[in-house]
Amino acid sequence: MIDNRKSFSPQLREFLDLVDGNPTCHLFIDALASGVDEHGSTGVFVSPPQAAQGTLIAEALLLDPQMILAPHESFIKVTVMAGPGTDPGQAAVTQLHEMEHHLAPPSDLLREISQDVRSDDARLGLVLAYLRRPDEHVALDRQEQYVRSAARIRLATVGSSVHDWGAHLMTAACADALEQFAAYETTPPNRVANSVERTRWLAALVEALRSRGPEAVLQAQPPTRPVVHARPAVDGDLSTLVAFRTFQRVDPLDIIDEARTAQGATVLGVLDLYRHRIVPALLAQAGPLGLTDPIQQAFFLTYHGVPGLIAWEACNTDAGTADDTLEDVKVVPAWPPREPVFWLTREERTSWNRDTGIPRSVFDTPGIENGSHLYVDGVKYRAAVADGDRVGETRLFAYGRRYMALRPVR
């Protein structure tokens, strides 16, 4: 596939050409005969020059943005795993999915952040925009390029010894695109007013590619996702804005973007305020609320939208104890959650898992209904409650006169 890159999308071909012999921008593809079934993952990394390992770009932005601004190397790593007994042809579909969906979008980003012609804030702004983009599975342009690439590969293999492989790849890639898009686009939180129309457009494109070849074009343009309405403005200075949006449990990347637009702040300025003033001031209020265990405090922060990296940074540096230095920072906590919250005992934290039983505190709480949501040690679960101890292949455990199992909510 890599040696015959003319079948890929233009954006992907440009990146493959860029990394050929490039000393600072790299692509690694690991195809591993291990794991269960076929699955893949793609990560975008930056590192100091010639470093032994890289840092995920999201982690670098949140905890060490200077790594992005200083001279650095960048790379994308694609991992495809196909365990024993799996179909090698399906592994090729997984690889194509990873490359067209998850490798192509950051390729322009890596090229642009390596250029010194932009200001520091502009370069970090590019990373911010990349991390704030909608899930790649609901990007119709990426789904289009994915199935077009599969159709080109299919056409290139006609009459060759890998004819059947090419036919299978296109069939499976189109099925994957339709299934993934429907699963992400038509269910919360990605569903929008025209999700059904967008799903139908992709299905029509797949049918056109099957009948007319990889260059088939639909008369109708792909329906775009509606613009998300902006939140009402916040009166006050930058600290007030960031503190109030944190109370509203807004994603910090969205907070940074709003602060740049509404207050003219820089990415570095908002990050510094958020990490060293707002989050510590929020954490200082966990103790009075009875949350003194590190796991409780970390969940308290992540419940407010604080990324796990920053939450653990705050908890591990005792940032929440410096109340006297944070009196001027007013952050109102949005605690408690509407859903019930349960904490595991020390023994349960080392022994309990959802496949072997129900935590004692949950077991002793009557009235939990089928479909109810609850938190256990900061992990959100949905309760499956039934009259029997089996629901399909899922085992349920005794709960009063009924049976229950906990299923993580993703």
Protein backbone atom coordinates (compact mmCIF):
# COMPACT_ATOMS: atom_id res chain seq x y z
CA MET A 1 0.00 0.00 0.00
CA ILE A 2 2.79 2.43 0.88
CA ASP A 3 4.78 1.59 -2.25
CA ASN A 4 1.73 2.33 -4.42
CA ARG A 5 0.76 5.57 -2.74
CA LYS A 6 -0.91 7.03 -5.84
CA SER A 7 -4.08 5.31 -4.64
CA PHE A 8 -4.18 7.44 -1.47
CA SER A 9 -5.81 10.85 -1.03
CA PRO A 10 -3.78 13.89 -2.18
CA GLN A 11 -3.28 15.03 1.42
CA LEU A 12 -1.93 11.65 2.47
CA ARG A 13 0.35 11.38 -0.57
CA GLU A 14 1.84 14.79 0.21
CA PHE A 15 2.67 13.71 3.75
CA LEU A 16 4.27 10.46 2.59
CA ASP A 17 6.40 12.49 0.19
CA LEU A 18 7.28 14.92 2.99
CA VAL A 19 8.62 12.27 5.39
CA ASP A 20 10.81 10.59 2.77
CA GLY A 21 14.32 11.34 4.02
CA ASN A 22 13.08 14.13 6.31
CA PRO A 23 15.31 14.47 9.42
CA THR A 24 12.67 16.14 11.59
CA CYS A 25 9.31 14.71 10.50
CA HIS A 26 8.71 10.96 10.53
CA LEU A 27 6.10 8.27 10.00
CA PHE A 28 6.21 4.89 11.74
CA ILE A 29 3.85 2.07 10.86
CA ASP A 30 3.83 -1.03 13.06
CA ALA A 31 1.90 -4.04 11.75
CA LEU A 32 1.77 -6.57 14.56
CA ALA A 33 0.52 -10.17 14.51
CA SER A 34 -0.82 -9.88 18.04
CA GLY A 35 -3.84 -8.73 19.99
CA VAL A 36 -7.45 -9.77 19.72
CA ASP A 37 -9.21 -9.29 16.34
CA GLU A 38 -8.05 -6.44 14.12
CA HIS A 39 -7.72 -2.92 15.48
CA GLY A 40 -5.50 0.10 15.06
CA SER A 41 -4.39 3.28 16.73
CA THR A 42 -2.67 6.46 15.62
CA GLY A 43 -0.72 8.92 17.75
CA VAL A 44 0.83 12.30 16.97
CA PHE A 45 4.04 13.08 18.85
CA VAL A 46 6.67 15.78 19.28
CA SER A 47 10.07 15.49 20.92
CA PRO A 48 13.34 17.38 21.37
CA PRO A 49 15.76 16.68 18.49
CA GLN A 50 17.08 13.09 18.54
CA ALA A 51 15.21 12.24 21.74
CA ALA A 52 14.67 8.57 22.53
CA GLN A 53 10.88 8.95 22.69
CA GLY A 54 8.16 11.46 21.95
CA THR A 55 5.30 13.13 23.80
CA LEU A 56 1.73 13.08 22.54
CA ILE A 57 1.03 16.48 21.09
CA ALA A 58 -2.05 16.98 23.30
CA GLU A 59 0.06 16.28 26.38
CA ALA A 60 2.79 18.61 25.13
CA LEU A 61 0.31 21.47 24.65
CA LEU A 62 -1.19 21.08 28.11
CA LEU A 63 1.95 20.43 30.15
CA ASP A 64 4.97 21.56 28.11
CA PRO A 65 4.00 23.85 25.21
CA GLN A 66 7.59 25.07 24.90
CA MET A 67 8.39 21.66 23.42
CA ILE A 68 6.24 22.63 20.44
CA LEU A 69 7.75 26.10 20.14
CA ALA A 70 11.39 25.05 20.45
CA PRO A 71 13.27 23.18 17.69
CA HIS A 72 11.78 19.70 17.70
CA GLU A 73 11.10 16.54 15.79
CA SER A 74 7.57 15.32 15.13
CA PHE A 75 6.20 12.00 14.09
CA ILE A 76 3.01 10.03 13.61
CA LYS A 77 2.87 6.40 14.69
CA VAL A 78 0.28 4.05 13.23
CA THR A 79 -0.15 0.67 14.90
CA VAL A 80 -2.20 -2.09 13.31
CA MET A 81 -2.76 -5.27 15.31
CA ALA A 82 -4.15 -8.49 13.86
CA GLY A 83 -4.15 -11.36 16.32
CA PRO A 84 -3.77 -15.05 15.51
CA GLY A 85 -6.52 -16.39 13.31
CA THR A 86 -7.67 -12.99 12.03
CA ASP A 87 -8.08 -12.08 8.38
CA PRO A 88 -4.96 -10.39 6.93
CA GLY A 89 -7.18 -8.63 4.42
CA GLN A 90 -9.14 -7.02 7.24
CA ALA A 91 -5.86 -5.77 8.72
CA ALA A 92 -5.26 -3.89 5.47
CA VAL A 93 -8.68 -2.26 5.86
CA THR A 94 -7.72 -1.23 9.39
CA GLN A 95 -4.47 0.26 8.14
CA LEU A 96 -6.21 2.23 5.39
CA HIS A 97 -8.76 3.47 7.96
CA GLU A 98 -6.01 4.66 10.30
CA MET A 99 -4.10 6.39 7.53
CA GLU A 100 -6.96 8.21 5.79
CA HIS A 101 -8.89 9.05 8.97
CA HIS A 102 -6.25 9.62 11.61
CA LEU A 103 -2.92 10.14 9.84
CA ALA A 104 -3.95 12.57 7.10
CA PRO A 105 -5.55 15.29 9.32
CA PRO A 106 -2.45 16.04 11.45
CA SER A 107 -0.07 15.91 8.48
CA ASP A 108 -0.57 19.58 7.61
CA LEU A 109 -0.28 20.49 11.29
CA LEU A 110 3.17 18.93 11.65
CA ARG A 111 4.37 20.75 8.57
CA GLU A 112 3.08 24.12 9.78
CA ILE A 113 4.22 24.05 13.43
CA SER A 114 7.77 23.32 12.30
CA GLN A 115 7.93 26.69 10.50
CA ASP A 116 9.44 29.61 12.36
CA VAL A 117 7.61 32.21 10.26
CA ARG A 118 4.57 32.09 12.54
CA SER A 119 4.33 33.66 15.98
CA ASP A 120 4.40 31.43 19.04
CA ASP A 121 0.71 32.00 19.68
CA ALA A 122 -0.20 31.29 16.06
CA ARG A 123 1.69 27.99 16.13
CA LEU A 124 0.06 26.91 19.39
CA GLY A 125 -3.24 28.08 17.93
CA LEU A 126 -2.80 25.56 15.10
CA VAL A 127 -2.36 22.78 17.65
CA LEU A 128 -5.37 24.06 19.57
CA ALA A 129 -7.53 24.03 16.42
CA TYR A 130 -6.37 20.50 15.57
CA LEU A 131 -7.23 19.18 19.03
CA ARG A 132 -10.65 20.91 19.03
CA ARG A 133 -11.78 19.50 15.69
CA PRO A 134 -14.83 17.20 15.65
CA ASP A 135 -14.25 13.47 15.88
CA GLU A 136 -12.58 12.36 12.64
CA HIS A 137 -15.23 9.70 12.11
CA VAL A 138 -17.87 12.41 11.54
CA ALA A 139 -15.70 14.31 9.03
CA LEU A 140 -17.37 13.58 5.70
CA ASP A 141 -14.31 14.70 3.74
CA ARG A 142 -12.18 12.05 5.49
CA GLN A 143 -14.84 9.37 4.98
CA GLU A 144 -14.96 10.34 1.31
CA GLN A 145 -11.20 10.08 0.91
CA TYR A 146 -11.20 6.74 2.74
CA VAL A 147 -13.68 5.08 0.40
CA ARG A 148 -12.18 6.75 -2.71
CA SER A 149 -8.75 5.36 -1.78
CA ALA A 150 -10.28 1.91 -1.36
CA ALA A 151 -11.93 2.25 -4.78
CA ARG A 152 -8.60 3.27 -6.39
CA ILE A 153 -6.85 0.29 -4.82
CA ARG A 154 -9.67 -1.94 -6.04
CA LEU A 155 -9.32 -0.63 -9.60
CA ALA A 156 -5.52 -0.99 -9.54
CA THR A 157 -5.78 -4.68 -8.62
CA VAL A 158 -8.22 -5.70 -11.36
CA GLY A 159 -6.71 -8.52 -13.43
CA SER A 160 -3.77 -8.99 -11.05
CA SER A 161 -2.88 -11.78 -8.65
CA VAL A 162 -4.36 -9.73 -5.77
CA HIS A 163 -7.68 -9.11 -7.50
CA ASP A 164 -9.69 -10.80 -4.74
CA TRP A 165 -7.75 -8.92 -2.04
CA GLY A 166 -8.54 -5.57 -3.70
CA ALA A 167 -12.22 -6.46 -4.06
CA HIS A 168 -12.42 -7.47 -0.39
CA LEU A 169 -10.63 -4.31 0.74
CA MET A 170 -13.11 -2.04 -1.04
CA THR A 171 -16.15 -3.98 0.16
CA ALA A 172 -14.92 -4.00 3.75
CA ALA A 173 -13.74 -0.37 3.73
CA CYS A 174 -17.10 0.86 2.43
CA ALA A 175 -18.95 -1.19 5.04
CA ASP A 176 -16.60 0.16 7.74
CA ALA A 177 -17.14 3.76 6.60
CA LEU A 178 -20.93 3.45 6.60
CA GLU A 179 -21.01 1.66 9.95
CA GLN A 180 -18.56 3.98 11.71
CA PHE A 181 -20.12 7.15 10.35
CA ALA A 182 -23.63 6.12 11.37
CA ALA A 183 -22.41 5.05 14.81
CA TYR A 184 -20.69 8.37 15.49
CA GLU A 185 -22.82 10.84 13.52
CA THR A 186 -26.30 9.77 14.55
CA THR A 187 -25.72 9.24 18.28
CA PRO A 188 -25.02 11.79 21.03
CA PRO A 189 -22.96 13.87 21.42
CA ASN A 190 -22.25 14.15 17.67
CA ARG A 191 -25.82 14.12 16.36
CA VAL A 192 -26.87 17.33 14.60
CA ALA A 193 -29.97 18.49 12.76
CA ASN A 194 -28.87 17.08 9.38
CA SER A 195 -27.17 13.88 10.56
CA VAL A 196 -29.60 11.70 8.61
CA GLU A 197 -28.96 13.67 5.39
CA ARG A 198 -25.21 13.41 5.91
CA THR A 199 -25.45 9.66 6.42
CA ARG A 200 -27.53 9.27 3.25
CA TRP A 201 -24.98 11.32 1.28
CA LEU A 202 -22.16 8.98 2.27
CA ALA A 203 -24.27 5.94 1.35
CA ALA A 204 -24.99 7.50 -2.07
CA LEU A 205 -21.29 8.18 -2.61
CA VAL A 206 -20.39 4.57 -1.78
CA GLU A 207 -22.97 3.34 -4.28
CA ALA A 208 -21.60 5.70 -6.94
CA LEU A 209 -18.03 4.48 -6.38
CA ARG A 210 -19.17 0.89 -6.66
CA SER A 211 -21.02 1.47 -9.93
CA ARG A 212 -18.94 4.18 -11.65
CA GLY A 213 -15.44 3.88 -10.20
CA PRO A 214 -13.17 5.90 -7.87
CA GLU A 215 -13.62 9.25 -9.64
CA ALA A 216 -17.43 9.24 -9.44
CA VAL A 217 -18.89 12.56 -8.30
CA LEU A 218 -22.29 13.24 -6.78
CA GLN A 219 -24.32 16.20 -7.98
CA ALA A 220 -25.23 17.09 -4.40
CA GLN A 221 -22.48 18.61 -2.26
CA PRO A 222 -21.73 16.92 1.09
CA PRO A 223 -23.98 18.44 3.78
CA THR A 224 -21.91 20.42 6.29
CA ARG A 225 -22.40 20.21 10.03
CA PRO A 226 -24.36 23.19 11.43
CA VAL A 227 -22.39 25.83 13.29
CA VAL A 228 -22.52 25.31 17.05
CA HIS A 229 -24.13 28.27 18.80
CA ALA A 230 -21.75 30.25 20.99
CA ARG A 231 -22.30 30.40 24.74
CA PRO A 232 -23.54 33.68 26.24
CA ALA A 233 -20.71 36.10 26.94
CA VAL A 234 -19.21 36.38 30.43
CA ASP A 235 -18.80 39.83 32.00
CA GLY A 236 -15.49 40.32 33.72
CA ASP A 237 -11.77 39.87 33.29
CA LEU A 238 -9.88 36.86 31.97
CA SER A 239 -9.78 35.11 35.36
CA THR A 240 -13.55 35.49 35.73
CA LEU A 241 -14.16 34.06 32.27
CA VAL A 242 -11.92 31.03 32.84
CA ALA A 243 -13.29 30.40 36.34
CA PHE A 244 -16.93 30.59 35.23
CA ARG A 245 -16.42 28.30 32.24
CA THR A 246 -14.66 25.84 34.54
CA PHE A 247 -17.72 25.92 36.82
CA GLN A 248 -19.80 25.16 33.71
CA ARG A 249 -17.50 22.16 33.08
CA VAL A 250 -16.44 23.47 29.66
CA ASP A 251 -13.57 21.71 27.92
CA PRO A 252 -10.39 23.71 28.65
CA LEU A 253 -9.47 23.76 24.96
CA ASP A 254 -12.77 25.54 24.30
CA ILE A 255 -12.03 27.89 27.20
CA ILE A 256 -8.64 28.76 25.70
CA ASP A 257 -10.17 29.39 22.29
CA GLU A 258 -12.88 31.65 23.75
CA ALA A 259 -10.34 33.56 25.83
CA ARG A 260 -8.23 34.23 22.74
CA THR A 261 -11.27 35.49 20.84
CA ALA A 262 -13.07 37.44 23.57
CA GLN A 263 -10.13 38.69 25.65
CA GLY A 264 -7.23 38.72 23.20
CA ALA A 265 -5.32 36.34 25.48
CA THR A 266 -2.55 34.03 24.32
CA VAL A 267 -2.62 30.26 24.50
CA LEU A 268 0.34 30.29 26.88
CA GLY A 269 -1.29 32.96 29.06
CA VAL A 270 -4.56 31.08 29.45
CA LEU A 271 -2.79 27.77 30.03
CA ASP A 272 -0.69 29.31 32.79
CA LEU A 273 -3.75 30.85 34.42
CA TYR A 274 -5.73 27.61 34.15
CA ARG A 275 -3.03 25.27 35.43
CA HIS A 276 -1.53 27.41 38.19
CA ARG A 277 -4.46 29.49 39.45
CA ILE A 278 -7.89 28.17 38.44
CA VAL A 279 -7.32 24.42 38.91
CA PRO A 280 -5.52 24.85 42.28
CA ALA A 281 -8.30 27.15 43.49
CA LEU A 282 -10.87 24.55 42.47
CA LEU A 283 -8.93 21.73 44.09
CA ALA A 284 -8.68 23.72 47.35
CA GLN A 285 -12.45 23.32 47.69
CA ALA A 286 -12.43 19.52 47.41
CA GLY A 287 -11.40 18.99 51.06
CA PRO A 288 -14.27 21.01 52.57
CA LEU A 289 -16.62 18.93 50.42
CA GLY A 290 -15.29 15.77 52.07
CA LEU A 291 -13.09 14.71 49.15
CA THR A 292 -9.68 14.07 50.69
CA ASP A 293 -8.50 10.89 48.96
CA PRO A 294 -6.32 11.52 45.82
CA ILE A 295 -8.69 9.40 43.69
CA GLN A 296 -11.66 11.43 44.94
CA GLN A 297 -9.88 14.72 44.31
CA ALA A 298 -8.75 13.69 40.82
CA PHE A 299 -12.33 12.75 39.92
CA PHE A 300 -13.57 16.03 41.43
CA LEU A 301 -11.31 17.87 38.99
CA THR A 302 -12.02 15.71 35.94
CA TYR A 303 -15.76 16.01 36.64
CA HIS A 304 -15.27 19.75 36.04
CA GLY A 305 -13.64 19.03 32.68
CA VAL A 306 -10.04 19.29 33.88
CA PRO A 307 -7.93 16.96 31.69
CA GLY A 308 -6.57 13.98 33.56
CA LEU A 309 -2.98 15.10 32.97
CA ILE A 310 -3.58 18.46 34.64
CA ALA A 311 -5.74 16.91 37.38
CA TRP A 312 -3.02 14.50 38.45
CA GLU A 313 -0.41 17.24 38.17
CA ALA A 314 -2.46 19.34 40.60
CA CYS A 315 -3.10 16.46 43.02
CA ASN A 316 0.52 15.33 43.03
CA THR A 317 1.90 18.81 43.73
CA ASP A 318 -0.50 19.53 46.61
CA ALA A 319 -1.74 22.53 44.65
CA GLY A 320 -5.03 22.44 46.49
CA THR A 321 -3.46 23.19 49.88
CA ALA A 322 -2.29 26.71 49.08
CA ASP A 323 -5.62 28.36 49.95
CA ASP A 324 -4.04 31.59 51.20
CA THR A 325 -2.45 32.35 47.83
CA LEU A 326 -5.68 31.82 45.92
CA GLU A 327 -8.15 34.01 47.80
CA ASP A 328 -8.55 36.33 44.81
CA VAL A 329 -9.50 33.45 42.48
CA LYS A 330 -13.23 32.76 42.69
CA VAL A 331 -14.09 29.31 41.34
CA VAL A 332 -17.47 27.86 42.31
CA PRO A 333 -17.54 24.05 42.19
CA ALA A 334 -20.32 22.29 40.27
CA TRP A 335 -20.34 19.45 42.80
CA PRO A 336 -22.06 17.06 43.37
CA PRO A 337 -23.01 15.24 40.17
CA ARG A 338 -26.66 14.48 39.51
CA GLU A 339 -25.78 10.78 39.29
CA PRO A 340 -25.04 8.79 42.49
CA VAL A 341 -21.35 8.64 43.40
CA PHE A 342 -19.82 5.58 45.07
CA TRP A 343 -16.29 5.16 46.41
CA LEU A 344 -14.51 1.83 46.64
CA THR A 345 -12.85 0.74 49.85
CA ARG A 346 -9.09 0.21 49.81
CA GLU A 347 -9.67 -3.55 49.57
CA GLU A 348 -12.16 -3.18 46.72
CA ARG A 349 -9.76 -1.03 44.73
CA THR A 350 -7.33 -3.95 44.56
CA SER A 351 -9.85 -6.77 44.17
CA TRP A 352 -13.10 -5.58 42.57
CA ASN A 353 -13.85 -5.51 38.86
CA ARG A 354 -17.18 -5.33 37.05
CA ASP A 355 -16.85 -8.89 35.72
CA THR A 356 -16.70 -10.48 39.16
CA GLY A 357 -19.38 -8.71 41.17
CA ILE A 358 -20.90 -5.46 42.44
CA PRO A 359 -19.16 -3.09 44.91
CA ARG A 360 -20.58 -3.38 48.43
CA SER A 361 -21.75 0.25 48.54
CA VAL A 362 -23.69 -0.22 45.29
CA PHE A 363 -25.05 -3.59 46.44
CA ASP A 364 -26.33 -2.00 49.67
CA THR A 365 -28.11 0.84 47.83
CA PRO A 366 -31.67 -0.12 46.91
CA GLY A 367 -33.68 1.28 44.04
CA ILE A 368 -31.09 1.34 41.24
CA GLU A 369 -33.04 0.78 38.03
CA ASN A 370 -32.08 -0.68 34.69
CA GLY A 371 -30.34 2.02 32.64
CA SER A 372 -29.44 4.19 35.66
CA HIS A 373 -26.09 5.97 35.49
CA LEU A 374 -23.71 6.09 38.45
CA TYR A 375 -20.07 6.82 39.23
CA VAL A 376 -17.78 4.28 40.92
CA ASP A 377 -14.39 5.75 41.88
CA GLY A 378 -14.84 8.36 39.17
CA VAL A 379 -15.73 5.93 36.37
CA LYS A 380 -19.20 6.35 34.91
CA TYR A 381 -21.27 3.17 34.57
CA ARG A 382 -24.75 2.25 33.34
CA ALA A 383 -26.57 -0.33 35.44
CA ALA A 384 -28.06 -3.37 33.74
CA VAL A 385 -30.78 -4.71 36.04
CA ALA A 386 -32.90 -7.76 35.20
CA ASP A 387 -34.89 -10.58 36.77
CA GLY A 388 -32.42 -13.24 35.59
CA ASP A 389 -28.67 -13.60 35.96
CA ARG A 390 -27.96 -13.42 32.20
CA VAL A 391 -28.58 -10.82 29.52
CA GLY A 392 -27.24 -12.31 26.31
CA GLU A 393 -23.59 -13.11 27.01
CA THR A 394 -23.42 -10.75 29.99
CA ARG A 395 -23.44 -12.24 33.47
CA LEU A 396 -25.40 -10.35 36.15
CA PHE A 397 -24.92 -10.60 39.90
CA ALA A 398 -27.39 -10.85 42.77
CA TYR A 399 -28.90 -7.48 43.74
CA GLY A 400 -31.72 -7.83 46.25
CA ARG A 401 -34.37 -9.92 44.54
CA ARG A 402 -32.99 -9.05 41.10
CA TYR A 403 -29.64 -9.11 39.30
CA MET A 404 -27.26 -6.34 38.20
CA ALA A 405 -24.10 -5.70 36.19
CA LEU A 406 -22.23 -2.43 35.64
CA ARG A 407 -21.23 -1.40 32.13
CA PRO A 408 -18.76 1.47 31.57
CA VAL A 409 -20.12 4.49 29.71
CA ARG A 410 -17.69 5.71 27.07
